[in-house]
Amino acid sequence: MALSVRMQRPTLNDVFLKLTGKGIRHGGHGDSNEIKDAIRAYRRRFDRG
């Protein structure tokens, strides 16, 4: 009986998943709008200008 083992380098997604416990989200336009809205809210709250 012969056993075979194959090793391969981890992908970026493999490493990200291992470190964060979450997969990489592939960007959609919704993500960038959420970030922009958060930046606007932060600026409204903390902008001293």
PDB file of N, CA and C in Angstrom:
ATOM      1  N   MET A   1       0.853  -1.182   0.000  1.00  0.00           N
ATOM      2  CA  MET A   1       0.000   0.000   0.000  1.00  0.00           C
ATOM      3  C   MET A   1       0.895   1.241   0.000  1.00  0.00           C
ATOM      4  N   ALA A   2       0.733   2.097  -0.985  1.00  0.00           N
ATOM      5  CA  ALA A   2       1.549   3.302  -1.105  1.00  0.00           C
ATOM      6  C   ALA A   2       0.708   4.524  -0.758  1.00  0.00           C
ATOM      7  N   LEU A   3       1.300   5.411   0.007  1.00  0.00           N
ATOM      8  CA  LEU A   3       0.634   6.667   0.358  1.00  0.00           C
ATOM      9  C   LEU A   3       1.292   7.791  -0.413  1.00  0.00           C
ATOM     10  N   SER A   4       0.513   8.786  -0.733  1.00  0.00           N
ATOM     11  CA  SER A   4       1.033   9.922  -1.478  1.00  0.00           C
ATOM     12  C   SER A   4       0.696  11.204  -0.712  1.00  0.00           C
ATOM     13  N   VAL A   5       1.668  12.088  -0.624  1.00  0.00           N
ATOM     14  CA  VAL A   5       1.466  13.378   0.040  1.00  0.00           C
ATOM     15  C   VAL A   5       1.862  14.468  -0.941  1.00  0.00           C
ATOM     16  N   ARG A   6       1.009  15.465  -1.051  1.00  0.00           N
ATOM     17  CA  ARG A   6       1.302  16.567  -1.956  1.00  0.00           C
ATOM     18  C   ARG A   6       1.295  17.862  -1.155  1.00  0.00           C
ATOM     19  N   MET A   7       2.332  18.651  -1.295  1.00  0.00           N
ATOM     20  CA  MET A   7       2.432  19.932  -0.590  1.00  0.00           C
ATOM     21  C   MET A   7       2.332  21.046  -1.625  1.00  0.00           C
ATOM     22  N   GLN A   8       1.669  22.113  -1.251  1.00  0.00           N
ATOM     23  CA  GLN A   8       1.606  23.264  -2.140  1.00  0.00           C
ATOM     24  C   GLN A   8       1.634  24.523  -1.296  1.00  0.00           C
ATOM     25  N   ARG A   9       2.157  25.591  -1.875  1.00  0.00           N
ATOM     26  CA  ARG A   9       2.234  26.861  -1.149  1.00  0.00           C
ATOM     27  C   ARG A   9       0.834  27.389  -0.891  1.00  0.00           C
ATOM     28  N   PRO A  10       0.606  27.973   0.287  1.00  0.00           N
ATOM     29  CA  PRO A  10      -0.722  28.524   0.571  1.00  0.00           C
ATOM     30  C   PRO A  10      -0.990  29.756  -0.292  1.00  0.00           C
ATOM     31  N   THR A  11      -2.241  29.946  -0.631  1.00  0.00           N
ATOM     32  CA  THR A  11      -2.640  31.137  -1.378  1.00  0.00           C
ATOM     33  C   THR A  11      -2.805  32.303  -0.402  1.00  0.00           C
ATOM     34  N   LEU A  12      -2.936  33.491  -0.929  1.00  0.00           N
ATOM     35  CA  LEU A  12      -3.175  34.666  -0.100  1.00  0.00           C
ATOM     36  C   LEU A  12      -4.460  34.489   0.701  1.00  0.00           C
ATOM     37  N   ASN A  13      -5.478  33.934   0.075  1.00  0.00           N
ATOM     38  CA  ASN A  13      -6.739  33.710   0.777  1.00  0.00           C
ATOM     39  C   ASN A  13      -6.570  32.703   1.915  1.00  0.00           C
ATOM     40  N   ASP A  14      -5.758  31.660   1.702  1.00  0.00           N
ATOM     41  CA  ASP A  14      -5.487  30.680   2.764  1.00  0.00           C
ATOM     42  C   ASP A  14      -4.853  31.355   3.978  1.00  0.00           C
ATOM     43  N   VAL A  15      -3.867  32.206   3.736  1.00  0.00           N
ATOM     44  CA  VAL A  15      -3.160  32.888   4.823  1.00  0.00           C
ATOM     45  C   VAL A  15      -4.090  33.864   5.528  1.00  0.00           C
ATOM     46  N   PHE A  16      -4.854  34.637   4.768  1.00  0.00           N
ATOM     47  CA  PHE A  16      -5.787  35.604   5.338  1.00  0.00           C
ATOM     48  C   PHE A  16      -6.819  34.889   6.205  1.00  0.00           C
ATOM     49  N   LEU A  17      -7.345  33.783   5.708  1.00  0.00           N
ATOM     50  CA  LEU A  17      -8.328  33.012   6.461  1.00  0.00           C
ATOM     51  C   LEU A  17      -7.731  32.472   7.754  1.00  0.00           C
ATOM     52  N   LYS A  18      -6.506  31.994   7.704  1.00  0.00           N
ATOM     53  CA  LYS A  18      -5.833  31.460   8.897  1.00  0.00           C
ATOM     54  C   LYS A  18      -5.621  32.556   9.941  1.00  0.00           C
ATOM     55  N   LEU A  19      -5.225  33.759   9.493  1.00  0.00           N
ATOM     56  CA  LEU A  19      -4.910  34.841  10.429  1.00  0.00           C
ATOM     57  C   LEU A  19      -6.148  35.533  10.984  1.00  0.00           C
ATOM     58  N   THR A  20      -7.186  35.681  10.163  1.00  0.00           N
ATOM     59  CA  THR A  20      -8.348  36.458  10.581  1.00  0.00           C
ATOM     60  C   THR A  20      -9.575  35.615  10.899  1.00  0.00           C
ATOM     61  N   GLY A  21      -9.608  34.405  10.391  1.00  0.00           N
ATOM     62  CA  GLY A  21     -10.795  33.578  10.567  1.00  0.00           C
ATOM     63  C   GLY A  21     -11.910  33.935   9.605  1.00  0.00           C
ATOM     64  N   LYS A  22     -11.636  34.834   8.662  1.00  0.00           N
ATOM     65  CA  LYS A  22     -12.627  35.272   7.675  1.00  0.00           C
ATOM     66  C   LYS A  22     -12.010  35.208   6.292  1.00  0.00           C
ATOM     67  N   GLY A  23     -12.835  34.908   5.309  1.00  0.00           N
ATOM     68  CA  GLY A  23     -12.368  34.925   3.929  1.00  0.00           C
ATOM     69  C   GLY A  23     -12.263  36.356   3.421  1.00  0.00           C
ATOM     70  N   ILE A  24     -11.477  36.541   2.379  1.00  0.00           N
ATOM     71  CA  ILE A  24     -11.349  37.861   1.762  1.00  0.00           C
ATOM     72  C   ILE A  24     -12.626  38.141   0.985  1.00  0.00           C
ATOM     73  N   ARG A  25     -13.231  39.297   1.244  1.00  0.00           N
ATOM     74  CA  ARG A  25     -14.412  39.695   0.478  1.00  0.00           C
ATOM     75  C   ARG A  25     -13.944  40.259  -0.845  1.00  0.00           C
ATOM     76  N   HIS A  26     -14.531  39.781  -1.906  1.00  0.00           N
ATOM     77  CA  HIS A  26     -14.192  40.328  -3.212  1.00  0.00           C
ATOM     78  C   HIS A  26     -15.044  41.563  -3.412  1.00  0.00           C
ATOM     79  N   GLY A  27     -14.371  42.682  -3.616  1.00  0.00           N
ATOM     80  CA  GLY A  27     -14.990  43.998  -3.589  1.00  0.00           C
ATOM     81  C   GLY A  27     -16.158  44.175  -4.525  1.00  0.00           C
ATOM     82  N   GLY A  28     -17.177  44.694  -3.957  1.00  0.00           N
ATOM     83  CA  GLY A  28     -18.316  45.155  -4.718  1.00  0.00           C
ATOM     84  C   GLY A  28     -18.480  46.627  -4.422  1.00  0.00           C
ATOM     85  N   HIS A  29     -19.350  47.262  -5.128  1.00  0.00           N
ATOM     86  CA  HIS A  29     -19.515  48.700  -4.913  1.00  0.00           C
ATOM     87  C   HIS A  29     -20.125  49.004  -3.555  1.00  0.00           C
ATOM     88  N   GLY A  30     -20.867  48.073  -2.981  1.00  0.00           N
ATOM     89  CA  GLY A  30     -21.479  48.290  -1.675  1.00  0.00           C
ATOM     90  C   GLY A  30     -20.459  48.493  -0.573  1.00  0.00           C
ATOM     91  N   ASP A  31     -19.351  47.762  -0.638  1.00  0.00           N
ATOM     92  CA  ASP A  31     -18.325  47.882   0.393  1.00  0.00           C
ATOM     93  C   ASP A  31     -17.725  49.273   0.417  1.00  0.00           C
ATOM     94  N   SER A  32     -17.423  49.822  -0.759  1.00  0.00           N
ATOM     95  CA  SER A  32     -16.783  51.133  -0.804  1.00  0.00           C
ATOM     96  C   SER A  32     -17.749  52.214  -0.333  1.00  0.00           C
ATOM     97  N   ASN A  33     -19.045  52.043  -0.579  1.00  0.00           N
ATOM     98  CA  ASN A  33     -20.015  53.023  -0.109  1.00  0.00           C
ATOM     99  C   ASN A  33     -20.103  53.014   1.413  1.00  0.00           C
ATOM    100  N   GLU A  34     -20.006  51.850   2.018  1.00  0.00           N
ATOM    101  CA  GLU A  34     -20.029  51.772   3.478  1.00  0.00           C
ATOM    102  C   GLU A  34     -18.826  52.485   4.074  1.00  0.00           C
ATOM    103  N   ILE A  35     -17.685  52.316   3.468  1.00  0.00           N
ATOM    104  CA  ILE A  35     -16.468  52.973   3.949  1.00  0.00           C
ATOM    105  C   ILE A  35     -16.588  54.480   3.791  1.00  0.00           C
ATOM    106  N   LYS A  36     -17.063  54.924   2.639  1.00  0.00           N
ATOM    107  CA  LYS A  36     -17.223  56.364   2.404  1.00  0.00           C
ATOM    108  C   LYS A  36     -18.213  56.975   3.393  1.00  0.00           C
ATOM    109  N   ASP A  37     -19.301  56.271   3.660  1.00  0.00           N
ATOM    110  CA  ASP A  37     -20.285  56.769   4.626  1.00  0.00           C
ATOM    111  C   ASP A  37     -19.678  56.874   6.024  1.00  0.00           C
ATOM    112  N   ALA A  38     -18.860  55.890   6.405  1.00  0.00           N
ATOM    113  CA  ALA A  38     -18.215  55.923   7.717  1.00  0.00           C
ATOM    114  C   ALA A  38     -17.236  57.088   7.814  1.00  0.00           C
ATOM    115  N   ILE A  39     -16.507  57.361   6.740  1.00  0.00           N
ATOM    116  CA  ILE A  39     -15.567  58.492   6.733  1.00  0.00           C
ATOM    117  C   ILE A  39     -16.327  59.804   6.847  1.00  0.00           C
ATOM    118  N   ARG A  40     -17.416  59.932   6.116  1.00  0.00           N
ATOM    119  CA  ARG A  40     -18.224  61.166   6.190  1.00  0.00           C
ATOM    120  C   ARG A  40     -18.770  61.374   7.608  1.00  0.00           C
ATOM    121  N   ALA A  41     -19.268  60.311   8.219  1.00  0.00           N
ATOM    122  CA  ALA A  41     -19.810  60.415   9.575  1.00  0.00           C
ATOM    123  C   ALA A  41     -18.712  60.810  10.551  1.00  0.00           C
ATOM    124  N   TYR A  42     -17.529  60.237  10.399  1.00  0.00           N
ATOM    125  CA  TYR A  42     -16.399  60.581  11.264  1.00  0.00           C
ATOM    126  C   TYR A  42     -16.046  62.049  11.103  1.00  0.00           C
ATOM    127  N   ARG A  43     -15.985  62.516   9.867  1.00  0.00           N
ATOM    128  CA  ARG A  43     -15.625  63.921   9.618  1.00  0.00           C
ATOM    129  C   ARG A  43     -16.671  64.869  10.192  1.00  0.00           C
ATOM    130  N   ARG A  44     -17.951  64.514  10.057  1.00  0.00           N
ATOM    131  CA  ARG A  44     -19.003  65.372  10.621  1.00  0.00           C
ATOM    132  C   ARG A  44     -18.865  65.462  12.136  1.00  0.00           C
ATOM    133  N   ARG A  45     -18.480  64.359  12.734  1.00  0.00           N
ATOM    134  CA  ARG A  45     -18.403  64.324  14.195  1.00  0.00           C
ATOM    135  C   ARG A  45     -17.140  64.980  14.734  1.00  0.00           C
ATOM    136  N   PHE A  46     -16.006  64.776  14.066  1.00  0.00           N
ATOM    137  CA  PHE A  46     -14.733  65.187  14.637  1.00  0.00           C
ATOM    138  C   PHE A  46     -14.029  66.320  13.902  1.00  0.00           C
ATOM    139  N   ASP A  47     -14.558  66.762  12.773  1.00  0.00           N
ATOM    140  CA  ASP A  47     -13.879  67.820  12.019  1.00  0.00           C
ATOM    141  C   ASP A  47     -14.000  69.141  12.769  1.00  0.00           C
ATOM    142  N   ARG A  48     -12.879  69.740  13.048  1.00  0.00           N
ATOM    143  CA  ARG A  48     -12.851  71.002  13.804  1.00  0.00           C
ATOM    144  C   ARG A  48     -12.684  72.209  12.884  1.00  0.00           C
ATOM    145  N   GLY A  49     -12.715  71.982  11.582  1.00  0.00           N
ATOM    146  CA  GLY A  49     -12.442  73.042  10.608  1.00  0.00           C
ATOM    147  C   GLY A  49     -13.551  73.954  10.320  1.00  0.00           C
TER     148      GLY A  49
END
